[in-house]
PDB file of N, CA and C in Angstrom:
ATOM      1  N   UNK A   1    -157.548 -57.833 192.496  1.00  0.00           N
ATOM      2  CA  UNK A   1    -156.571 -57.606 191.775  1.00  0.00           C
ATOM      3  C   UNK A   1    -155.614 -56.122 191.607  1.00  0.00           C
ATOM      4  N   UNK A   2    -154.415 -56.240 191.488  1.00  0.00           N
ATOM      5  CA  UNK A   2    -153.972 -54.884 191.536  1.00  0.00           C
ATOM      6  C   UNK A   2    -153.609 -54.399 190.181  1.00  0.00           C
ATOM      7  N   UNK A   3    -153.806 -53.257 189.737  1.00  0.00           N
ATOM      8  CA  UNK A   3    -153.382 -52.525 188.643  1.00  0.00           C
ATOM      9  C   UNK A   3    -152.071 -51.856 188.522  1.00  0.00           C
ATOM     10  N   UNK A   4    -151.615 -51.842 187.278  1.00  0.00           N
ATOM     11  CA  UNK A   4    -150.005 -51.566 187.201  1.00  0.00           C
ATOM     12  C   UNK A   4    -149.888 -49.990 187.350  1.00  0.00           C
ATOM     13  N   UNK A   5    -148.783 -49.713 188.089  1.00  0.00           N
ATOM     14  CA  UNK A   5    -148.959 -48.286 188.306  1.00  0.00           C
ATOM     15  C   UNK A   5    -148.211 -47.715 187.154  1.00  0.00           C
ATOM     16  N   UNK A   6    -147.776 -48.430 185.943  1.00  0.00           N
ATOM     17  CA  UNK A   6    -147.109 -47.871 184.637  1.00  0.00           C
ATOM     18  C   UNK A   6    -148.163 -47.104 183.928  1.00  0.00           C
ATOM     19  N   UNK A   7    -147.947 -46.283 183.050  1.00  0.00           N
ATOM     20  CA  UNK A   7    -148.897 -45.232 182.409  1.00  0.00           C
ATOM     21  C   UNK A   7    -148.901 -46.283 181.241  1.00  0.00           C
ATOM     22  N   UNK A   8    -150.138 -46.281 180.841  1.00  0.00           N
ATOM     23  CA  UNK A   8    -150.327 -47.159 179.203  1.00  0.00           C
ATOM     24  C   UNK A   8    -150.206 -46.272 178.107  1.00  0.00           C
ATOM     25  N   UNK A   9    -149.063 -46.751 177.252  1.00  0.00           N
ATOM     26  CA  UNK A   9    -148.788 -46.266 176.036  1.00  0.00           C
ATOM     27  C   UNK A   9    -149.616 -46.337 175.005  1.00  0.00           C
ATOM     28  N   UNK A  10    -150.186 -45.316 174.371  1.00  0.00           N
ATOM     29  CA  UNK A  10    -151.378 -45.340 173.335  1.00  0.00           C
ATOM     30  C   UNK A  10    -150.416 -46.139 172.009  1.00  0.00           C
ATOM     31  N   UNK A  11    -151.689 -46.993 171.273  1.00  0.00           N
ATOM     32  CA  UNK A  11    -150.866 -47.575 170.380  1.00  0.00           C
ATOM     33  C   UNK A  11    -150.856 -46.701 169.043  1.00  0.00           C
ATOM     34  N   UNK A  12    -149.485 -47.040 168.597  1.00  0.00           N
ATOM     35  CA  UNK A  12    -149.246 -45.804 167.314  1.00  0.00           C
ATOM     36  C   UNK A  12    -149.915 -46.792 165.954  1.00  0.00           C
ATOM     37  N   UNK A  13    -150.156 -45.727 165.382  1.00  0.00           N
ATOM     38  CA  UNK A  13    -150.409 -46.267 164.041  1.00  0.00           C
ATOM     39  C   UNK A  13    -149.572 -46.704 163.139  1.00  0.00           C
ATOM     40  N   UNK A  14    -149.567 -47.412 162.331  1.00  0.00           N
ATOM     41  CA  UNK A  14    -148.544 -47.666 161.226  1.00  0.00           C
ATOM     42  C   UNK A  14    -148.881 -48.239 159.838  1.00  0.00           C
ATOM     43  N   UNK A  15    -148.343 -47.782 158.913  1.00  0.00           N
ATOM     44  CA  UNK A  15    -148.634 -47.748 157.490  1.00  0.00           C
ATOM     45  C   UNK A  15    -147.618 -48.499 157.028  1.00  0.00           C
ATOM     46  N   UNK A  16    -147.956 -49.738 156.098  1.00  0.00           N
ATOM     47  CA  UNK A  16    -147.061 -50.515 155.353  1.00  0.00           C
ATOM     48  C   UNK A  16    -147.054 -49.949 153.907  1.00  0.00           C
ATOM     49  N   UNK A  17    -146.195 -49.964 153.484  1.00  0.00           N
ATOM     50  CA  UNK A  17    -145.876 -49.694 151.807  1.00  0.00           C
ATOM     51  C   UNK A  17    -144.869 -50.757 151.655  1.00  0.00           C
ATOM     52  N   UNK A  18    -145.574 -51.512 149.926  1.00  0.00           N
ATOM     53  CA  UNK A  18    -145.284 -52.237 149.637  1.00  0.00           C
ATOM     54  C   UNK A  18    -144.426 -51.984 148.025  1.00  0.00           C
ATOM     55  N   UNK A  19    -143.325 -52.260 147.849  1.00  0.00           N
ATOM     56  CA  UNK A  19    -142.789 -51.695 146.542  1.00  0.00           C
ATOM     57  C   UNK A  19    -142.819 -52.864 145.561  1.00  0.00           C
ATOM     58  N   UNK A  20    -144.069 -52.859 145.026  1.00  0.00           N
ATOM     59  CA  UNK A  20    -144.375 -53.880 143.827  1.00  0.00           C
ATOM     60  C   UNK A  20    -143.107 -54.181 142.791  1.00  0.00           C
ATOM     61  N   UNK A  21    -142.426 -53.407 142.574  1.00  0.00           N
ATOM     62  CA  UNK A  21    -141.523 -53.112 141.451  1.00  0.00           C
ATOM     63  C   UNK A  21    -140.614 -54.192 142.170  1.00  0.00           C
ATOM     64  N   UNK A  22    -140.065 -53.996 143.353  1.00  0.00           N
ATOM     65  CA  UNK A  22    -138.848 -54.853 143.759  1.00  0.00           C
ATOM     66  C   UNK A  22    -139.209 -56.224 144.334  1.00  0.00           C
ATOM     67  N   UNK A  23    -140.354 -56.041 144.641  1.00  0.00           N
ATOM     68  CA  UNK A  23    -140.992 -57.576 145.395  1.00  0.00           C
ATOM     69  C   UNK A  23    -140.804 -58.582 144.240  1.00  0.00           C
ATOM     70  N   UNK A  24    -140.253 -59.764 144.589  1.00  0.00           N
ATOM     71  CA  UNK A  24    -139.887 -61.018 144.068  1.00  0.00           C
ATOM     72  C   UNK A  24    -141.068 -61.789 144.756  1.00  0.00           C
ATOM     73  N   UNK A  25    -141.911 -62.023 145.521  1.00  0.00           N
ATOM     74  CA  UNK A  25    -143.123 -62.590 145.921  1.00  0.00           C
ATOM     75  C   UNK A  25    -142.542 -63.718 146.744  1.00  0.00           C
ATOM     76  N   UNK A  26    -141.710 -63.574 147.418  1.00  0.00           N
ATOM     77  CA  UNK A  26    -141.069 -64.786 148.082  1.00  0.00           C
ATOM     78  C   UNK A  26    -141.947 -65.367 149.346  1.00  0.00           C
ATOM     79  N   UNK A  27    -142.906 -64.246 150.181  1.00  0.00           N
ATOM     80  CA  UNK A  27    -143.585 -64.519 151.029  1.00  0.00           C
ATOM     81  C   UNK A  27    -143.103 -64.643 152.289  1.00  0.00           C
ATOM     82  N   UNK A  28    -141.949 -63.874 152.507  1.00  0.00           N
ATOM     83  CA  UNK A  28    -141.146 -64.127 153.679  1.00  0.00           C
ATOM     84  C   UNK A  28    -141.813 -62.807 154.581  1.00  0.00           C
ATOM     85  N   UNK A  29    -142.366 -61.763 154.158  1.00  0.00           N
ATOM     86  CA  UNK A  29    -142.612 -60.800 155.114  1.00  0.00           C
ATOM     87  C   UNK A  29    -144.054 -61.185 155.287  1.00  0.00           C
ATOM     88  N   UNK A  30    -144.775 -62.087 154.847  1.00  0.00           N
ATOM     89  CA  UNK A  30    -146.036 -62.429 155.584  1.00  0.00           C
ATOM     90  C   UNK A  30    -145.704 -63.669 156.291  1.00  0.00           C
ATOM     91  N   UNK A  31    -144.834 -64.724 156.128  1.00  0.00           N
ATOM     92  CA  UNK A  31    -144.684 -65.505 157.168  1.00  0.00           C
ATOM     93  C   UNK A  31    -144.243 -64.916 158.276  1.00  0.00           C
ATOM     94  N   UNK A  32    -143.238 -63.782 158.432  1.00  0.00           N
ATOM     95  CA  UNK A  32    -142.794 -63.579 159.524  1.00  0.00           C
ATOM     96  C   UNK A  32    -143.350 -62.625 160.496  1.00  0.00           C
ATOM     97  N   UNK A  33    -145.005 -62.032 159.908  1.00  0.00           N
ATOM     98  CA  UNK A  33    -145.525 -61.086 160.603  1.00  0.00           C
ATOM     99  C   UNK A  33    -146.228 -61.776 161.846  1.00  0.00           C
ATOM    100  N   UNK A  34    -146.095 -61.470 163.199  1.00  0.00           N
ATOM    101  CA  UNK A  34    -146.469 -62.016 164.236  1.00  0.00           C
ATOM    102  C   UNK A  34    -148.072 -61.720 164.496  1.00  0.00           C
ATOM    103  N   UNK A  35    -148.695 -60.664 163.806  1.00  0.00           N
ATOM    104  CA  UNK A  35    -150.370 -60.477 163.816  1.00  0.00           C
ATOM    105  C   UNK A  35    -150.943 -60.660 162.733  1.00  0.00           C
ATOM    106  N   UNK A  36    -150.559 -61.311 161.613  1.00  0.00           N
ATOM    107  CA  UNK A  36    -151.089 -61.470 160.421  1.00  0.00           C
ATOM    108  C   UNK A  36    -151.668 -60.418 159.583  1.00  0.00           C
ATOM    109  N   UNK A  37    -151.083 -59.242 159.615  1.00  0.00           N
ATOM    110  CA  UNK A  37    -151.214 -58.132 159.065  1.00  0.00           C
ATOM    111  C   UNK A  37    -151.244 -58.232 157.501  1.00  0.00           C
ATOM    112  N   UNK A  38    -150.175 -59.207 157.219  1.00  0.00           N
ATOM    113  CA  UNK A  38    -150.089 -58.912 155.556  1.00  0.00           C
ATOM    114  C   UNK A  38    -150.460 -60.506 155.168  1.00  0.00           C
ATOM    115  N   UNK A  39    -150.984 -60.758 153.983  1.00  0.00           N
ATOM    116  CA  UNK A  39    -151.148 -61.959 153.032  1.00  0.00           C
ATOM    117  C   UNK A  39    -150.747 -61.795 151.908  1.00  0.00           C
ATOM    118  N   UNK A  40    -151.091 -62.980 151.089  1.00  0.00           N
ATOM    119  CA  UNK A  40    -150.921 -62.734 149.325  1.00  0.00           C
ATOM    120  C   UNK A  40    -151.905 -62.841 148.610  1.00  0.00           C
ATOM    121  N   UNK A  41    -151.886 -62.037 147.596  1.00  0.00           N
ATOM    122  CA  UNK A  41    -153.088 -62.231 146.640  1.00  0.00           C
ATOM    123  C   UNK A  41    -152.648 -63.353 145.592  1.00  0.00           C
ATOM    124  N   UNK A  42    -153.429 -63.264 144.553  1.00  0.00           N
ATOM    125  CA  UNK A  42    -153.645 -64.652 143.848  1.00  0.00           C
ATOM    126  C   UNK A  42    -152.360 -64.730 143.162  1.00  0.00           C
ATOM    127  N   UNK A  43    -151.536 -63.513 142.944  1.00  0.00           N
ATOM    128  CA  UNK A  43    -150.129 -63.437 142.074  1.00  0.00           C
ATOM    129  C   UNK A  43    -148.965 -63.714 142.900  1.00  0.00           C
ATOM    130  N   UNK A  44    -149.296 -63.727 144.407  1.00  0.00           N
ATOM    131  CA  UNK A  44    -148.270 -64.114 145.387  1.00  0.00           C
ATOM    132  C   UNK A  44    -147.560 -62.881 145.660  1.00  0.00           C
ATOM    133  N   UNK A  45    -148.225 -61.506 145.614  1.00  0.00           N
ATOM    134  CA  UNK A  45    -147.842 -60.160 145.687  1.00  0.00           C
ATOM    135  C   UNK A  45    -148.351 -60.028 147.257  1.00  0.00           C
ATOM    136  N   UNK A  46    -147.603 -59.501 148.457  1.00  0.00           N
ATOM    137  CA  UNK A  46    -147.834 -59.315 149.850  1.00  0.00           C
ATOM    138  C   UNK A  46    -149.004 -58.006 149.580  1.00  0.00           C
ATOM    139  N   UNK A  47    -150.103 -58.232 150.358  1.00  0.00           N
ATOM    140  CA  UNK A  47    -150.882 -56.974 150.658  1.00  0.00           C
ATOM    141  C   UNK A  47    -151.132 -57.009 151.802  1.00  0.00           C
ATOM    142  N   UNK A  48    -151.576 -55.877 152.100  1.00  0.00           N
ATOM    143  CA  UNK A  48    -151.950 -55.146 153.903  1.00  0.00           C
ATOM    144  C   UNK A  48    -153.047 -55.951 154.069  1.00  0.00           C
ATOM    145  N   UNK A  49    -153.770 -56.723 154.899  1.00  0.00           N
ATOM    146  CA  UNK A  49    -154.778 -57.343 154.885  1.00  0.00           C
ATOM    147  C   UNK A  49    -155.503 -56.751 156.279  1.00  0.00           C
ATOM    148  N   UNK A  50    -154.703 -56.608 157.207  1.00  0.00           N
ATOM    149  CA  UNK A  50    -155.055 -56.050 158.709  1.00  0.00           C
ATOM    150  C   UNK A  50    -154.354 -55.140 159.161  1.00  0.00           C
ATOM    151  N   UNK A  51    -154.455 -53.654 158.413  1.00  0.00           N
ATOM    152  CA  UNK A  51    -153.478 -52.885 158.942  1.00  0.00           C
ATOM    153  C   UNK A  51    -153.574 -52.209 160.549  1.00  0.00           C
ATOM    154  N   UNK A  52    -154.646 -52.261 161.107  1.00  0.00           N
ATOM    155  CA  UNK A  52    -154.750 -52.209 162.438  1.00  0.00           C
ATOM    156  C   UNK A  52    -154.451 -53.026 163.385  1.00  0.00           C
ATOM    157  N   UNK A  53    -153.808 -54.144 162.693  1.00  0.00           N
ATOM    158  CA  UNK A  53    -153.333 -55.016 163.947  1.00  0.00           C
ATOM    159  C   UNK A  53    -151.888 -54.934 164.038  1.00  0.00           C
ATOM    160  N   UNK A  54    -151.338 -54.046 162.891  1.00  0.00           N
ATOM    161  CA  UNK A  54    -149.683 -53.650 162.931  1.00  0.00           C
ATOM    162  C   UNK A  54    -149.149 -53.019 164.318  1.00  0.00           C
ATOM    163  N   UNK A  55    -148.197 -53.706 164.913  1.00  0.00           N
ATOM    164  CA  UNK A  55    -147.377 -53.356 166.218  1.00  0.00           C
ATOM    165  C   UNK A  55    -146.301 -52.634 165.715  1.00  0.00           C
ATOM    166  N   UNK A  56    -145.618 -52.521 164.603  1.00  0.00           N
ATOM    167  CA  UNK A  56    -144.465 -51.774 164.249  1.00  0.00           C
ATOM    168  C   UNK A  56    -143.578 -52.572 164.264  1.00  0.00           C
ATOM    169  N   UNK A  57    -143.484 -53.782 164.449  1.00  0.00           N
ATOM    170  CA  UNK A  57    -142.057 -54.556 164.682  1.00  0.00           C
ATOM    171  C   UNK A  57    -141.060 -54.322 163.824  1.00  0.00           C
ATOM    172  N   UNK A  58    -141.396 -54.291 162.559  1.00  0.00           N
ATOM    173  CA  UNK A  58    -140.627 -54.096 161.115  1.00  0.00           C
ATOM    174  C   UNK A  58    -140.043 -55.447 160.953  1.00  0.00           C
ATOM    175  N   UNK A  59    -140.715 -56.541 161.451  1.00  0.00           N
ATOM    176  CA  UNK A  59    -139.661 -58.087 160.941  1.00  0.00           C
ATOM    177  C   UNK A  59    -140.160 -58.012 159.354  1.00  0.00           C
ATOM    178  N   UNK A  60    -141.261 -57.782 159.142  1.00  0.00           N
ATOM    179  CA  UNK A  60    -141.473 -57.989 157.556  1.00  0.00           C
ATOM    180  C   UNK A  60    -140.110 -56.771 157.020  1.00  0.00           C
ATOM    181  N   UNK A  61    -140.245 -55.955 157.065  1.00  0.00           N
ATOM    182  CA  UNK A  61    -139.164 -54.746 156.636  1.00  0.00           C
ATOM    183  C   UNK A  61    -137.649 -55.597 156.820  1.00  0.00           C
ATOM    184  N   UNK A  62    -137.485 -55.559 157.894  1.00  0.00           N
ATOM    185  CA  UNK A  62    -136.036 -56.514 158.294  1.00  0.00           C
ATOM    186  C   UNK A  62    -135.956 -57.416 157.541  1.00  0.00           C
ATOM    187  N   UNK A  63    -136.679 -58.599 157.162  1.00  0.00           N
ATOM    188  CA  UNK A  63    -136.473 -59.810 156.685  1.00  0.00           C
ATOM    189  C   UNK A  63    -136.343 -59.834 155.151  1.00  0.00           C
ATOM    190  N   UNK A  64    -137.038 -58.939 154.177  1.00  0.00           N
ATOM    191  CA  UNK A  64    -137.304 -58.587 152.863  1.00  0.00           C
ATOM    192  C   UNK A  64    -135.936 -58.722 152.497  1.00  0.00           C
ATOM    193  N   UNK A  65    -135.490 -59.865 151.476  1.00  0.00           N
ATOM    194  CA  UNK A  65    -134.496 -59.598 150.944  1.00  0.00           C
ATOM    195  C   UNK A  65    -134.159 -58.581 149.933  1.00  0.00           C
ATOM    196  N   UNK A  66    -135.233 -58.048 149.683  1.00  0.00           N
ATOM    197  CA  UNK A  66    -135.566 -56.965 148.195  1.00  0.00           C
ATOM    198  C   UNK A  66    -135.708 -55.727 148.882  1.00  0.00           C
ATOM    199  N   UNK A  67    -135.788 -55.419 150.219  1.00  0.00           N
ATOM    200  CA  UNK A  67    -136.047 -53.814 150.828  1.00  0.00           C
ATOM    201  C   UNK A  67    -137.266 -53.405 149.933  1.00  0.00           C
ATOM    202  N   UNK A  68    -138.365 -54.489 149.642  1.00  0.00           N
ATOM    203  CA  UNK A  68    -139.412 -53.975 149.321  1.00  0.00           C
ATOM    204  C   UNK A  68    -140.683 -53.467 150.224  1.00  0.00           C
ATOM    205  N   UNK A  69    -140.267 -53.448 151.187  1.00  0.00           N
ATOM    206  CA  UNK A  69    -141.546 -52.758 152.345  1.00  0.00           C
ATOM    207  C   UNK A  69    -140.908 -52.219 153.247  1.00  0.00           C
ATOM    208  N   UNK A  70    -141.996 -51.239 153.538  1.00  0.00           N
ATOM    209  CA  UNK A  70    -141.303 -50.158 154.408  1.00  0.00           C
ATOM    210  C   UNK A  70    -142.580 -49.958 155.329  1.00  0.00           C
ATOM    211  N   UNK A  71    -142.216 -49.725 156.797  1.00  0.00           N
ATOM    212  CA  UNK A  71    -143.001 -49.637 157.914  1.00  0.00           C
ATOM    213  C   UNK A  71    -142.835 -48.390 158.568  1.00  0.00           C
ATOM    214  N   UNK A  72    -143.814 -47.305 158.557  1.00  0.00           N
ATOM    215  CA  UNK A  72    -143.767 -45.986 158.730  1.00  0.00           C
ATOM    216  C   UNK A  72    -145.048 -45.807 159.906  1.00  0.00           C
ATOM    217  N   UNK A  73    -144.756 -44.704 160.672  1.00  0.00           N
ATOM    218  CA  UNK A  73    -145.804 -44.237 161.652  1.00  0.00           C
ATOM    219  C   UNK A  73    -146.525 -43.379 160.710  1.00  0.00           C
ATOM    220  N   UNK A  74    -148.159 -43.411 161.048  1.00  0.00           N
ATOM    221  CA  UNK A  74    -148.789 -42.620 160.191  1.00  0.00           C
ATOM    222  C   UNK A  74    -148.679 -41.377 160.707  1.00  0.00           C
ATOM    223  N   UNK A  75    -148.950 -40.345 159.572  1.00  0.00           N
ATOM    224  CA  UNK A  75    -148.886 -39.055 159.890  1.00  0.00           C
ATOM    225  C   UNK A  75    -149.787 -38.617 160.877  1.00  0.00           C
ATOM    226  N   UNK A  76    -151.147 -39.423 160.833  1.00  0.00           N
ATOM    227  CA  UNK A  76    -152.156 -38.381 161.945  1.00  0.00           C
ATOM    228  C   UNK A  76    -151.318 -38.896 163.476  1.00  0.00           C
ATOM    229  N   UNK A  77    -150.703 -39.736 163.734  1.00  0.00           N
ATOM    230  CA  UNK A  77    -150.101 -40.330 164.658  1.00  0.00           C
ATOM    231  C   UNK A  77    -148.975 -39.311 165.417  1.00  0.00           C
ATOM    232  N   UNK A  78    -148.217 -38.920 164.554  1.00  0.00           N
ATOM    233  CA  UNK A  78    -147.226 -37.912 164.464  1.00  0.00           C
ATOM    234  C   UNK A  78    -147.712 -36.818 165.034  1.00  0.00           C
ATOM    235  N   UNK A  79    -148.717 -36.193 164.318  1.00  0.00           N
ATOM    236  CA  UNK A  79    -149.384 -34.880 164.569  1.00  0.00           C
ATOM    237  C   UNK A  79    -150.112 -34.844 165.637  1.00  0.00           C
ATOM    238  N   UNK A  80    -150.580 -35.728 166.275  1.00  0.00           N
ATOM    239  CA  UNK A  80    -151.458 -35.652 167.413  1.00  0.00           C
ATOM    240  C   UNK A  80    -150.179 -35.477 168.603  1.00  0.00           C
ATOM    241  N   UNK A  81    -148.827 -36.402 168.438  1.00  0.00           N
ATOM    242  CA  UNK A  81    -147.895 -36.079 169.320  1.00  0.00           C
ATOM    243  C   UNK A  81    -147.563 -34.756 169.228  1.00  0.00           C
ATOM    244  N   UNK A  82    -147.146 -33.924 168.274  1.00  0.00           N
ATOM    245  CA  UNK A  82    -146.934 -32.823 168.647  1.00  0.00           C
ATOM    246  C   UNK A  82    -147.803 -31.718 168.963  1.00  0.00           C
ATOM    247  N   UNK A  83    -148.837 -32.043 168.929  1.00  0.00           N
ATOM    248  CA  UNK A  83    -150.184 -31.035 169.444  1.00  0.00           C
ATOM    249  C   UNK A  83    -150.245 -31.550 170.950  1.00  0.00           C
ATOM    250  N   UNK A  84    -149.680 -32.775 171.322  1.00  0.00           N
ATOM    251  CA  UNK A  84    -149.666 -32.920 172.847  1.00  0.00           C
ATOM    252  C   UNK A  84    -150.824 -33.601 173.225  1.00  0.00           C
ATOM    253  N   UNK A  85    -151.787 -34.230 172.209  1.00  0.00           N
ATOM    254  CA  UNK A  85    -153.013 -34.979 172.634  1.00  0.00           C
ATOM    255  C   UNK A  85    -152.778 -36.155 173.181  1.00  0.00           C
ATOM    256  N   UNK A  86    -153.614 -36.697 174.234  1.00  0.00           N
ATOM    257  CA  UNK A  86    -152.916 -38.134 175.049  1.00  0.00           C
ATOM    258  C   UNK A  86    -153.601 -38.855 173.936  1.00  0.00           C
ATOM    259  N   UNK A  87    -154.213 -39.076 172.924  1.00  0.00           N
ATOM    260  CA  UNK A  87    -155.116 -40.034 172.086  1.00  0.00           C
ATOM    261  C   UNK A  87    -154.176 -40.212 171.126  1.00  0.00           C
TER     262      UNK A  87
END
Protein backbone atom coordinates (compact mmCIF):
# COMPACT_ATOMS: atom_id res chain seq x y z
CA UNK A 1 0.00 0.00 0.00
CA UNK A 2 1.40 3.35 -1.06
CA UNK A 3 1.53 6.21 1.42
CA UNK A 4 0.34 9.66 0.43
CA UNK A 5 3.05 12.12 -0.49
CA UNK A 6 1.12 15.01 1.03
CA UNK A 7 2.35 16.18 4.43
CA UNK A 8 -0.04 15.47 7.29
CA UNK A 9 -1.48 18.54 8.96
CA UNK A 10 -1.51 18.57 12.72
CA UNK A 11 -5.03 18.78 14.10
CA UNK A 12 -5.91 22.18 15.51
CA UNK A 13 -7.42 22.43 18.95
CA UNK A 14 -10.66 24.38 19.15
CA UNK A 15 -12.48 26.12 21.95
CA UNK A 16 -16.26 26.43 21.84
CA UNK A 17 -17.87 29.24 23.78
CA UNK A 18 -21.61 29.23 24.44
CA UNK A 19 -23.25 32.52 25.43
CA UNK A 20 -25.97 31.30 27.78
CA UNK A 21 -27.78 34.64 27.95
CA UNK A 22 -28.30 34.65 24.17
CA UNK A 23 -29.16 30.97 23.78
CA UNK A 24 -32.85 30.05 23.44
CA UNK A 25 -32.05 26.31 23.77
CA UNK A 26 -33.31 25.34 20.32
CA UNK A 27 -30.73 22.55 19.90
CA UNK A 28 -29.81 23.40 16.31
CA UNK A 29 -26.10 23.51 17.17
CA UNK A 30 -26.28 20.04 18.73
CA UNK A 31 -28.10 18.57 15.72
CA UNK A 32 -25.69 20.00 13.13
CA UNK A 33 -22.45 18.96 14.86
CA UNK A 34 -20.97 16.16 12.70
CA UNK A 35 -18.72 14.89 15.51
CA UNK A 36 -21.20 14.97 18.44
CA UNK A 37 -19.10 17.52 20.30
CA UNK A 38 -22.18 19.21 21.75
CA UNK A 39 -24.96 17.80 23.91
CA UNK A 40 -27.85 19.30 25.85
CA UNK A 41 -28.08 19.49 29.62
CA UNK A 42 -31.26 18.96 31.67
CA UNK A 43 -32.47 22.48 30.85
CA UNK A 44 -31.82 22.10 27.11
CA UNK A 45 -28.75 24.32 27.14
CA UNK A 46 -26.00 23.11 24.79
CA UNK A 47 -22.82 21.99 26.53
CA UNK A 48 -19.43 20.95 25.17
CA UNK A 49 -19.40 17.20 25.77
CA UNK A 50 -16.39 16.11 23.69
CA UNK A 51 -14.12 19.10 22.93
CA UNK A 52 -11.24 17.02 21.53
CA UNK A 53 -13.47 15.73 18.72
CA UNK A 54 -14.13 19.25 17.37
CA UNK A 55 -12.87 19.66 13.80
CA UNK A 56 -13.56 23.40 13.63
CA UNK A 57 -16.22 23.17 10.91
CA UNK A 58 -18.21 25.90 12.67
CA UNK A 59 -21.56 24.43 11.62
CA UNK A 60 -22.86 25.09 15.13
CA UNK A 61 -21.78 28.72 14.93
CA UNK A 62 -23.14 29.26 11.41
CA UNK A 63 -26.53 27.66 12.12
CA UNK A 64 -27.20 29.31 15.48
CA UNK A 65 -30.08 31.78 14.95
CA UNK A 66 -29.08 33.74 18.07
CA UNK A 67 -25.31 34.01 17.49
CA UNK A 68 -24.94 32.30 20.88
CA UNK A 69 -22.00 30.07 20.01
CA UNK A 70 -18.45 30.81 18.89
CA UNK A 71 -15.68 28.46 17.78
CA UNK A 72 -12.09 29.66 18.15
CA UNK A 73 -8.65 28.13 17.77
CA UNK A 74 -7.18 27.56 21.22
CA UNK A 75 -4.36 29.89 22.19
CA UNK A 76 -1.80 27.11 22.69
CA UNK A 77 -2.28 26.00 19.06
CA UNK A 78 -1.61 29.53 17.89
CA UNK A 79 1.45 29.90 20.15
CA UNK A 80 2.98 26.67 18.81
CA UNK A 81 2.57 27.88 15.24
CA UNK A 82 4.35 31.13 16.07
CA UNK A 83 7.27 29.27 17.63
CA UNK A 84 7.53 26.94 14.65
CA UNK A 85 6.89 23.76 16.61
CA UNK A 86 5.75 20.88 14.38
CA UNK A 87 3.21 19.71 17.03
